[in-house]
PDB file of all heavy atoms in Angstrom:
ATOM      1  N   ARG A   1      75.739 122.585 122.474  1.00  0.00           N
ATOM      2  CA  ARG A   1      75.958 121.167 122.782  1.00  0.00           C
ATOM      3  C   ARG A   1      76.420 120.424 121.567  1.00  0.00           C
ATOM      4  O   ARG A   1      77.285 119.504 121.670  1.00  0.00           O
ATOM      5  CB  ARG A   1      74.582 120.612 123.310  1.00  0.00           C
ATOM      6  CG  ARG A   1      74.240 120.902 124.710  1.00  0.00           C
ATOM      7  CD  ARG A   1      72.831 120.626 125.213  1.00  0.00           C
ATOM      8  NE  ARG A   1      71.953 121.658 124.536  1.00  0.00           N
ATOM      9  CZ  ARG A   1      70.659 121.604 124.630  1.00  0.00           C
ATOM     10  NH1 ARG A   1      70.080 120.573 125.302  1.00  0.00           N
ATOM     11  NH2 ARG A   1      69.901 122.595 124.039  1.00  0.00           N
ATOM     12  N   LEU A   2      75.910 120.698 120.395  1.00  0.00           N
ATOM     13  CA  LEU A   2      76.416 120.080 119.213  1.00  0.00           C
ATOM     14  C   LEU A   2      77.828 120.500 118.837  1.00  0.00           C
ATOM     15  O   LEU A   2      78.566 119.657 118.299  1.00  0.00           O
ATOM     16  CB  LEU A   2      75.499 120.445 118.027  1.00  0.00           C
ATOM     17  CG  LEU A   2      74.087 119.721 118.043  1.00  0.00           C
ATOM     18  CD1 LEU A   2      73.205 120.162 116.905  1.00  0.00           C
ATOM     19  CD2 LEU A   2      74.255 118.170 117.964  1.00  0.00           C
ATOM     20  N   SER A   3      78.250 121.737 119.145  1.00  0.00           N
ATOM     21  CA  SER A   3      79.590 122.186 118.999  1.00  0.00           C
ATOM     22  C   SER A   3      80.501 121.391 119.894  1.00  0.00           C
ATOM     23  O   SER A   3      81.515 120.910 119.454  1.00  0.00           O
ATOM     24  CB  SER A   3      79.716 123.581 119.313  1.00  0.00           C
ATOM     25  OG  SER A   3      81.058 124.019 119.250  1.00  0.00           O
ATOM     26  N   ALA A   4      80.121 121.158 121.125  1.00  0.00           N
ATOM     27  CA  ALA A   4      80.905 120.408 122.071  1.00  0.00           C
ATOM     28  C   ALA A   4      81.112 118.932 121.622  1.00  0.00           C
ATOM     29  O   ALA A   4      82.142 118.363 121.583  1.00  0.00           O
ATOM     30  CB  ALA A   4      80.285 120.431 123.502  1.00  0.00           C
ATOM     31  N   LEU A   5      79.900 118.330 121.190  1.00  0.00           N
ATOM     32  CA  LEU A   5      79.930 116.997 120.702  1.00  0.00           C
ATOM     33  C   LEU A   5      80.856 116.861 119.467  1.00  0.00           C
ATOM     34  O   LEU A   5      81.648 115.902 119.404  1.00  0.00           O
ATOM     35  CB  LEU A   5      78.498 116.603 120.353  1.00  0.00           C
ATOM     36  CG  LEU A   5      78.394 115.167 119.687  1.00  0.00           C
ATOM     37  CD1 LEU A   5      78.487 114.157 120.751  1.00  0.00           C
ATOM     38  CD2 LEU A   5      77.055 115.064 118.982  1.00  0.00           C
ATOM     39  N   TRP A   6      80.641 117.747 118.495  1.00  0.00           N
ATOM     40  CA  TRP A   6      81.472 117.761 117.300  1.00  0.00           C
ATOM     41  C   TRP A   6      82.956 117.803 117.643  1.00  0.00           C
ATOM     42  O   TRP A   6      83.771 116.980 117.080  1.00  0.00           O
ATOM     43  CB  TRP A   6      81.040 119.026 116.361  1.00  0.00           C
ATOM     44  CG  TRP A   6      81.667 119.097 115.103  1.00  0.00           C
ATOM     45  CD1 TRP A   6      82.851 118.464 114.570  1.00  0.00           C
ATOM     46  CD2 TRP A   6      81.220 119.968 114.024  1.00  0.00           C
ATOM     47  NE1 TRP A   6      82.995 118.880 113.325  1.00  0.00           N
ATOM     48  CE2 TRP A   6      82.060 119.826 112.951  1.00  0.00           C
ATOM     49  CE3 TRP A   6      80.187 120.848 113.874  1.00  0.00           C
ATOM     50  CZ2 TRP A   6      81.971 120.565 111.737  1.00  0.00           C
ATOM     51  CZ3 TRP A   6      80.057 121.643 112.723  1.00  0.00           C
ATOM     52  CH2 TRP A   6      80.898 121.404 111.657  1.00  0.00           C
ATOM     53  N   ASN A   7      83.378 118.718 118.497  1.00  0.00           N
ATOM     54  CA  ASN A   7      84.756 118.796 118.851  1.00  0.00           C
ATOM     55  C   ASN A   7      85.231 117.655 119.606  1.00  0.00           C
ATOM     56  O   ASN A   7      86.450 117.188 119.416  1.00  0.00           O
ATOM     57  CB  ASN A   7      85.019 120.093 119.649  1.00  0.00           C
ATOM     58  CG  ASN A   7      84.979 121.383 118.756  1.00  0.00           C
ATOM     59  OD1 ASN A   7      85.867 121.580 117.941  1.00  0.00           O
ATOM     60  ND2 ASN A   7      84.013 122.203 118.952  1.00  0.00           N
ATOM     61  N   VAL A   8      84.488 117.140 120.551  1.00  0.00           N
ATOM     62  CA  VAL A   8      84.939 115.977 121.338  1.00  0.00           C
ATOM     63  C   VAL A   8      85.126 114.696 120.441  1.00  0.00           C
ATOM     64  O   VAL A   8      86.223 114.069 120.450  1.00  0.00           O
ATOM     65  CB  VAL A   8      83.912 115.597 122.421  1.00  0.00           C
ATOM     66  CG1 VAL A   8      84.285 114.196 123.038  1.00  0.00           C
ATOM     67  CG2 VAL A   8      83.949 116.677 123.503  1.00  0.00           C
ATOM     68  N   ILE A   9      84.139 114.402 119.573  1.00  0.00           N
ATOM     69  CA  ILE A   9      84.264 113.171 118.757  1.00  0.00           C
ATOM     70  C   ILE A   9      85.353 113.436 117.642  1.00  0.00           C
ATOM     71  O   ILE A   9      86.067 112.510 117.361  1.00  0.00           O
ATOM     72  CB  ILE A   9      82.939 112.902 118.037  1.00  0.00           C
ATOM     73  CG1 ILE A   9      81.817 112.638 119.164  1.00  0.00           C
ATOM     74  CG2 ILE A   9      82.974 111.711 117.177  1.00  0.00           C
ATOM     75  CD1 ILE A   9      82.036 111.558 120.010  1.00  0.00           C
ATOM     76  N   GLY A  10      85.408 114.682 117.142  1.00  0.00           N
ATOM     77  CA  GLY A  10      86.415 114.968 116.179  1.00  0.00           C
ATOM     78  C   GLY A  10      87.811 114.870 116.621  1.00  0.00           C
ATOM     79  O   GLY A  10      88.787 114.724 115.834  1.00  0.00           O
ATOM     80  N   SER A  11      88.019 114.966 117.955  1.00  0.00           N
ATOM     81  CA  SER A  11      89.383 114.909 118.475  1.00  0.00           C
ATOM     82  C   SER A  11      89.893 113.434 118.636  1.00  0.00           C
ATOM     83  O   SER A  11      91.025 113.231 118.608  1.00  0.00           O
ATOM     84  CB  SER A  11      89.380 115.486 119.956  1.00  0.00           C
ATOM     85  OG  SER A  11      89.005 116.834 119.954  1.00  0.00           O
ATOM     86  N   VAL A  12      88.991 112.546 118.630  1.00  0.00           N
ATOM     87  CA  VAL A  12      89.374 111.084 118.768  1.00  0.00           C
ATOM     88  C   VAL A  12      90.310 110.647 117.708  1.00  0.00           C
ATOM     89  O   VAL A  12      91.379 110.084 117.982  1.00  0.00           O
ATOM     90  CB  VAL A  12      88.128 110.160 118.916  1.00  0.00           C
ATOM     91  CG1 VAL A  12      88.536 108.714 118.904  1.00  0.00           C
ATOM     92  CG2 VAL A  12      87.322 110.538 120.139  1.00  0.00           C
ATOM     93  N   PRO A  13      89.981 110.726 116.436  1.00  0.00           N
ATOM     94  CA  PRO A  13      90.906 110.358 115.381  1.00  0.00           C
ATOM     95  C   PRO A  13      92.236 111.102 115.396  1.00  0.00           C
ATOM     96  O   PRO A  13      93.345 110.484 115.152  1.00  0.00           O
ATOM     97  CB  PRO A  13      90.221 110.598 114.028  1.00  0.00           C
ATOM     98  CG  PRO A  13      88.788 110.687 114.416  1.00  0.00           C
ATOM     99  CD  PRO A  13      88.715 111.298 115.769  1.00  0.00           C
ATOM    100  N   VAL A  14      92.253 112.343 115.780  1.00  0.00           N
ATOM    101  CA  VAL A  14      93.506 113.137 115.808  1.00  0.00           C
ATOM    102  C   VAL A  14      94.398 112.599 116.978  1.00  0.00           C
ATOM    103  O   VAL A  14      95.588 112.447 116.748  1.00  0.00           O
ATOM    104  CB  VAL A  14      93.166 114.638 116.094  1.00  0.00           C
ATOM    105  CG1 VAL A  14      94.440 115.456 116.278  1.00  0.00           C
ATOM    106  CG2 VAL A  14      92.281 115.188 114.955  1.00  0.00           C
ATOM    107  N   VAL A  15      93.800 112.398 118.139  1.00  0.00           N
ATOM    108  CA  VAL A  15      94.614 111.906 119.276  1.00  0.00           C
ATOM    109  C   VAL A  15      95.130 110.490 118.998  1.00  0.00           C
ATOM    110  O   VAL A  15      96.268 110.157 119.128  1.00  0.00           O
ATOM    111  CB  VAL A  15      93.783 111.930 120.520  1.00  0.00           C
ATOM    112  CG1 VAL A  15      94.585 111.276 121.706  1.00  0.00           C
ATOM    113  CG2 VAL A  15      93.317 113.357 120.883  1.00  0.00           C
ATOM    114  N   ALA A  16      94.245 109.639 118.525  1.00  0.00           N
ATOM    115  CA  ALA A  16      94.597 108.270 118.150  1.00  0.00           C
ATOM    116  C   ALA A  16      95.690 108.144 117.063  1.00  0.00           C
ATOM    117  O   ALA A  16      96.601 107.462 117.193  1.00  0.00           O
ATOM    118  CB  ALA A  16      93.420 107.403 117.742  1.00  0.00           C
ATOM    119  N   GLY A  17      95.520 109.091 116.035  1.00  0.00           N
ATOM    120  CA  GLY A  17      96.545 109.046 114.985  1.00  0.00           C
ATOM    121  C   GLY A  17      97.911 109.474 115.488  1.00  0.00           C
ATOM    122  O   GLY A  17      98.939 108.983 115.040  1.00  0.00           O
ATOM    123  N   ALA A  18      97.980 110.491 116.349  1.00  0.00           N
ATOM    124  CA  ALA A  18      99.192 110.977 116.870  1.00  0.00           C
ATOM    125  C   ALA A  18      99.918 109.955 117.663  1.00  0.00           C
ATOM    126  O   ALA A  18     101.153 109.812 117.547  1.00  0.00           O
ATOM    127  CB  ALA A  18      98.931 112.268 117.686  1.00  0.00           C
ATOM    128  N   PHE A  19      99.199 109.174 118.457  1.00  0.00           N
ATOM    129  CA  PHE A  19      99.890 108.235 119.310  1.00  0.00           C
ATOM    130  C   PHE A  19     100.109 106.858 118.654  1.00  0.00           C
ATOM    131  O   PHE A  19     100.987 106.021 119.012  1.00  0.00           O
ATOM    132  CB  PHE A  19      99.126 107.983 120.618  1.00  0.00           C
ATOM    133  CG  PHE A  19      99.240 109.113 121.568  1.00  0.00           C
ATOM    134  CD1 PHE A  19      98.158 110.005 121.771  1.00  0.00           C
ATOM    135  CD2 PHE A  19     100.408 109.401 122.291  1.00  0.00           C
ATOM    136  CE1 PHE A  19      98.303 111.104 122.636  1.00  0.00           C
ATOM    137  CE2 PHE A  19     100.483 110.415 123.172  1.00  0.00           C
ATOM    138  CZ  PHE A  19      99.404 111.283 123.294  1.00  0.00           C
ATOM    139  N   ALA A  20      99.306 106.558 117.645  1.00  0.00           N
ATOM    140  CA  ALA A  20      99.299 105.263 117.033  1.00  0.00           C
ATOM    141  C   ALA A  20      99.957 105.257 115.695  1.00  0.00           C
ATOM    142  O   ALA A  20      99.894 104.262 114.873  1.00  0.00           O
ATOM    143  CB  ALA A  20      97.926 104.602 116.974  1.00  0.00           C
ATOM    144  N   SER A  21     100.534 106.382 115.241  1.00  0.00           N
ATOM    145  CA  SER A  21     101.046 106.539 113.865  1.00  0.00           C
ATOM    146  C   SER A  21     102.101 105.464 113.584  1.00  0.00           C
ATOM    147  O   SER A  21     102.148 104.935 112.503  1.00  0.00           O
ATOM    148  CB  SER A  21     101.689 107.952 113.707  1.00  0.00           C
ATOM    149  OG  SER A  21     102.704 108.243 114.624  1.00  0.00           O
ATOM    150  N   GLY A  22     103.028 105.275 114.507  1.00  0.00           N
ATOM    151  CA  GLY A  22     103.998 104.200 114.272  1.00  0.00           C
ATOM    152  C   GLY A  22     103.447 102.812 114.104  1.00  0.00           C
ATOM    153  O   GLY A  22     103.844 102.066 113.348  1.00  0.00           O
ATOM    154  N   TYR A  23     102.539 102.463 115.060  1.00  0.00           N
ATOM    155  CA  TYR A  23     101.888 101.160 114.923  1.00  0.00           C
ATOM    156  C   TYR A  23     101.102 101.040 113.674  1.00  0.00           C
ATOM    157  O   TYR A  23     101.241  99.898 112.995  1.00  0.00           O
ATOM    158  CB  TYR A  23     100.971 100.959 116.115  1.00  0.00           C
ATOM    159  CG  TYR A  23     100.320  99.603 116.159  1.00  0.00           C
ATOM    160  CD1 TYR A  23     100.887  98.534 116.768  1.00  0.00           C
ATOM    161  CD2 TYR A  23      99.004  99.448 115.565  1.00  0.00           C
ATOM    162  CE1 TYR A  23     100.306  97.274 116.842  1.00  0.00           C
ATOM    163  CE2 TYR A  23      98.421  98.241 115.584  1.00  0.00           C
ATOM    164  CZ  TYR A  23      99.028  97.186 116.185  1.00  0.00           C
ATOM    165  OH  TYR A  23      98.431  95.882 116.245  1.00  0.00           O
ATOM    166  N   VAL A  24     100.349 102.002 113.273  1.00  0.00           N
ATOM    167  CA  VAL A  24      99.633 101.989 112.036  1.00  0.00           C
ATOM    168  C   VAL A  24     100.535 101.738 110.846  1.00  0.00           C
ATOM    169  O   VAL A  24     100.242 100.900 109.953  1.00  0.00           O
ATOM    170  CB  VAL A  24      98.695 103.248 111.879  1.00  0.00           C
ATOM    171  CG1 VAL A  24      98.090 103.297 110.441  1.00  0.00           C
ATOM    172  CG2 VAL A  24      97.660 103.287 112.941  1.00  0.00           C
ATOM    173  N   SER A  25     101.627 102.546 110.825  1.00  0.00           N
ATOM    174  CA  SER A  25     102.524 102.374 109.679  1.00  0.00           C
ATOM    175  C   SER A  25     103.178 101.022 109.652  1.00  0.00           C
ATOM    176  O   SER A  25     103.400 100.446 108.488  1.00  0.00           O
ATOM    177  CB  SER A  25     103.644 103.465 109.913  1.00  0.00           C
ATOM    178  OG  SER A  25     104.560 103.409 109.004  1.00  0.00           O
ATOM    179  N   ASP A  26     103.432 100.415 110.770  1.00  0.00           N
ATOM    180  CA  ASP A  26     104.019  99.136 110.750  1.00  0.00           C
ATOM    181  C   ASP A  26     103.053  97.888 110.483  1.00  0.00           C
ATOM    182  O   ASP A  26     103.472  96.894 109.980  1.00  0.00           O
ATOM    183  CB  ASP A  26     104.805  98.824 112.119  1.00  0.00           C
ATOM    184  CG  ASP A  26     105.947  99.753 112.295  1.00  0.00           C
ATOM    185  OD1 ASP A  26     106.504 100.270 111.273  1.00  0.00           O
ATOM    186  OD2 ASP A  26     106.333 100.022 113.453  1.00  0.00           O
ATOM    187  N   HIS A  27     101.836  98.032 110.926  1.00  0.00           N
ATOM    188  CA  HIS A  27     100.839  96.906 110.892  1.00  0.00           C
ATOM    189  C   HIS A  27      99.740  97.030 109.882  1.00  0.00           C
ATOM    190  O   HIS A  27      99.018  96.114 109.719  1.00  0.00           O
ATOM    191  CB  HIS A  27     100.277  96.745 112.303  1.00  0.00           C
ATOM    192  CG  HIS A  27     101.336  96.308 113.289  1.00  0.00           C
ATOM    193  ND1 HIS A  27     102.177  97.152 113.945  1.00  0.00           N
ATOM    194  CD2 HIS A  27     101.635  95.078 113.725  1.00  0.00           C
ATOM    195  CE1 HIS A  27     102.968  96.568 114.758  1.00  0.00           C
ATOM    196  NE2 HIS A  27     102.691  95.269 114.717  1.00  0.00           N
ATOM    197  N   LEU A  28      99.581  98.184 109.212  1.00  0.00           N
ATOM    198  CA  LEU A  28      98.452  98.317 108.322  1.00  0.00           C
ATOM    199  C   LEU A  28      99.014  98.811 106.997  1.00  0.00           C
ATOM    200  O   LEU A  28      99.599  99.861 106.827  1.00  0.00           O
ATOM    201  CB  LEU A  28      97.433  99.445 108.834  1.00  0.00           C
ATOM    202  CG  LEU A  28      96.192  99.563 108.129  1.00  0.00           C
ATOM    203  CD1 LEU A  28      95.354  98.285 108.343  1.00  0.00           C
ATOM    204  CD2 LEU A  28      95.357 100.771 108.653  1.00  0.00           C
ATOM    205  N   ALA A  29      98.929  97.979 106.013  1.00  0.00           N
ATOM    206  CA  ALA A  29      99.323  98.241 104.653  1.00  0.00           C
ATOM    207  C   ALA A  29      98.427  99.334 104.066  1.00  0.00           C
ATOM    208  O   ALA A  29      97.312  99.525 104.395  1.00  0.00           O
ATOM    209  CB  ALA A  29      99.330  96.990 103.782  1.00  0.00           C
ATOM    210  N   ALA A  30      98.964 100.055 103.068  1.00  0.00           N
ATOM    211  CA  ALA A  30      98.244 101.148 102.475  1.00  0.00           C
ATOM    212  C   ALA A  30      96.990 100.682 101.835  1.00  0.00           C
ATOM    213  O   ALA A  30      95.944 101.349 102.001  1.00  0.00           O
ATOM    214  CB  ALA A  30      99.152 101.833 101.377  1.00  0.00           C
ATOM    215  N   ALA A  31      96.962  99.602 101.107  1.00  0.00           N
ATOM    216  CA  ALA A  31      95.756  99.035 100.527  1.00  0.00           C
ATOM    217  C   ALA A  31      94.662  98.760 101.599  1.00  0.00           C
ATOM    218  O   ALA A  31      93.520  98.990 101.384  1.00  0.00           O
ATOM    219  CB  ALA A  31      96.100  97.802  99.689  1.00  0.00           C
ATOM    220  N   GLU A  32      95.151  98.209 102.666  1.00  0.00           N
ATOM    221  CA  GLU A  32      94.174  97.891 103.844  1.00  0.00           C
ATOM    222  C   GLU A  32      93.647  99.174 104.353  1.00  0.00           C
ATOM    223  O   GLU A  32      92.471  99.226 104.785  1.00  0.00           O
ATOM    224  CB  GLU A  32      94.938  97.110 104.862  1.00  0.00           C
ATOM    225  CG  GLU A  32      95.342  95.668 104.388  1.00  0.00           C
ATOM    226  CD  GLU A  32      96.241  94.979 105.449  1.00  0.00           C
ATOM    227  OE1 GLU A  32      96.790  95.713 106.286  1.00  0.00           O
ATOM    228  OE2 GLU A  32      96.378  93.792 105.373  1.00  0.00           O
ATOM    229  N   ALA A  33      94.412 100.203 104.464  1.00  0.00           N
ATOM    230  CA  ALA A  33      93.937 101.460 105.023  1.00  0.00           C
ATOM    231  C   ALA A  33      92.925 102.061 104.079  1.00  0.00           C
ATOM    232  O   ALA A  33      91.809 102.525 104.619  1.00  0.00           O
ATOM    233  CB  ALA A  33      95.114 102.488 105.196  1.00  0.00           C
ATOM    234  N   PHE A  34      93.074 102.088 102.866  1.00  0.00           N
ATOM    235  CA  PHE A  34      92.106 102.558 101.918  1.00  0.00           C
ATOM    236  C   PHE A  34      90.787 101.780 101.905  1.00  0.00           C
ATOM    237  O   PHE A  34      89.676 102.258 101.835  1.00  0.00           O
ATOM    238  CB  PHE A  34      92.648 102.576 100.532  1.00  0.00           C
ATOM    239  CG  PHE A  34      93.551 103.813 100.259  1.00  0.00           C
ATOM    240  CD1 PHE A  34      94.946 103.575 100.040  1.00  0.00           C
ATOM    241  CD2 PHE A  34      93.005 105.026 100.166  1.00  0.00           C
ATOM    242  CE1 PHE A  34      95.773 104.693  99.770  1.00  0.00           C
ATOM    243  CE2 PHE A  34      93.882 106.153  99.976  1.00  0.00           C
ATOM    244  CZ  PHE A  34      95.204 105.964  99.763  1.00  0.00           C
ATOM    245  N   PHE A  35      90.967 100.434 102.087  1.00  0.00           N
ATOM    246  CA  PHE A  35      89.722  99.555 102.218  1.00  0.00           C
ATOM    247  C   PHE A  35      89.035  99.825 103.470  1.00  0.00           C
ATOM    248  O   PHE A  35      87.802  99.869 103.455  1.00  0.00           O
ATOM    249  CB  PHE A  35      90.222  98.095 102.118  1.00  0.00           C
ATOM    250  CG  PHE A  35      89.117  97.137 102.060  1.00  0.00           C
ATOM    251  CD1 PHE A  35      88.288  97.013 100.879  1.00  0.00           C
ATOM    252  CD2 PHE A  35      88.793  96.312 103.124  1.00  0.00           C
ATOM    253  CE1 PHE A  35      87.269  96.156 100.829  1.00  0.00           C
ATOM    254  CE2 PHE A  35      87.735  95.443 103.101  1.00  0.00           C
ATOM    255  CZ  PHE A  35      86.947  95.344 101.933  1.00  0.00           C
ATOM    256  N   LEU A  36      89.742 100.154 104.509  1.00  0.00           N
ATOM    257  CA  LEU A  36      89.003 100.437 105.792  1.00  0.00           C
ATOM    258  C   LEU A  36      88.311 101.719 105.733  1.00  0.00           C
ATOM    259  O   LEU A  36      87.146 101.854 106.238  1.00  0.00           O
ATOM    260  CB  LEU A  36      90.094 100.546 106.921  1.00  0.00           C
ATOM    261  CG  LEU A  36      89.531 100.767 108.355  1.00  0.00           C
ATOM    262  CD1 LEU A  36      88.630  99.628 108.721  1.00  0.00           C
ATOM    263  CD2 LEU A  36      90.708 100.828 109.355  1.00  0.00           C
ATOM    264  N   VAL A  37      88.810 102.792 105.055  1.00  0.00           N
ATOM    265  CA  VAL A  37      88.088 103.994 104.751  1.00  0.00           C
ATOM    266  C   VAL A  37      86.788 103.781 103.977  1.00  0.00           C
ATOM    267  O   VAL A  37      85.756 104.378 104.186  1.00  0.00           O
ATOM    268  CB  VAL A  37      88.997 105.016 104.081  1.00  0.00           C
ATOM    269  CG1 VAL A  37      88.233 106.286 103.674  1.00  0.00           C
ATOM    270  CG2 VAL A  37      90.171 105.535 105.010  1.00  0.00           C
TER     271      VAL A  37
END
């Protein structure tokens, strides 16, 4: 169950990053990205 949870939650940033890469690049400055991390 923890393996399933790990993989499901871990997929969210990957999927979001793939589809939102263009938007992130246009609307989020590098300094802001580091600050968010």
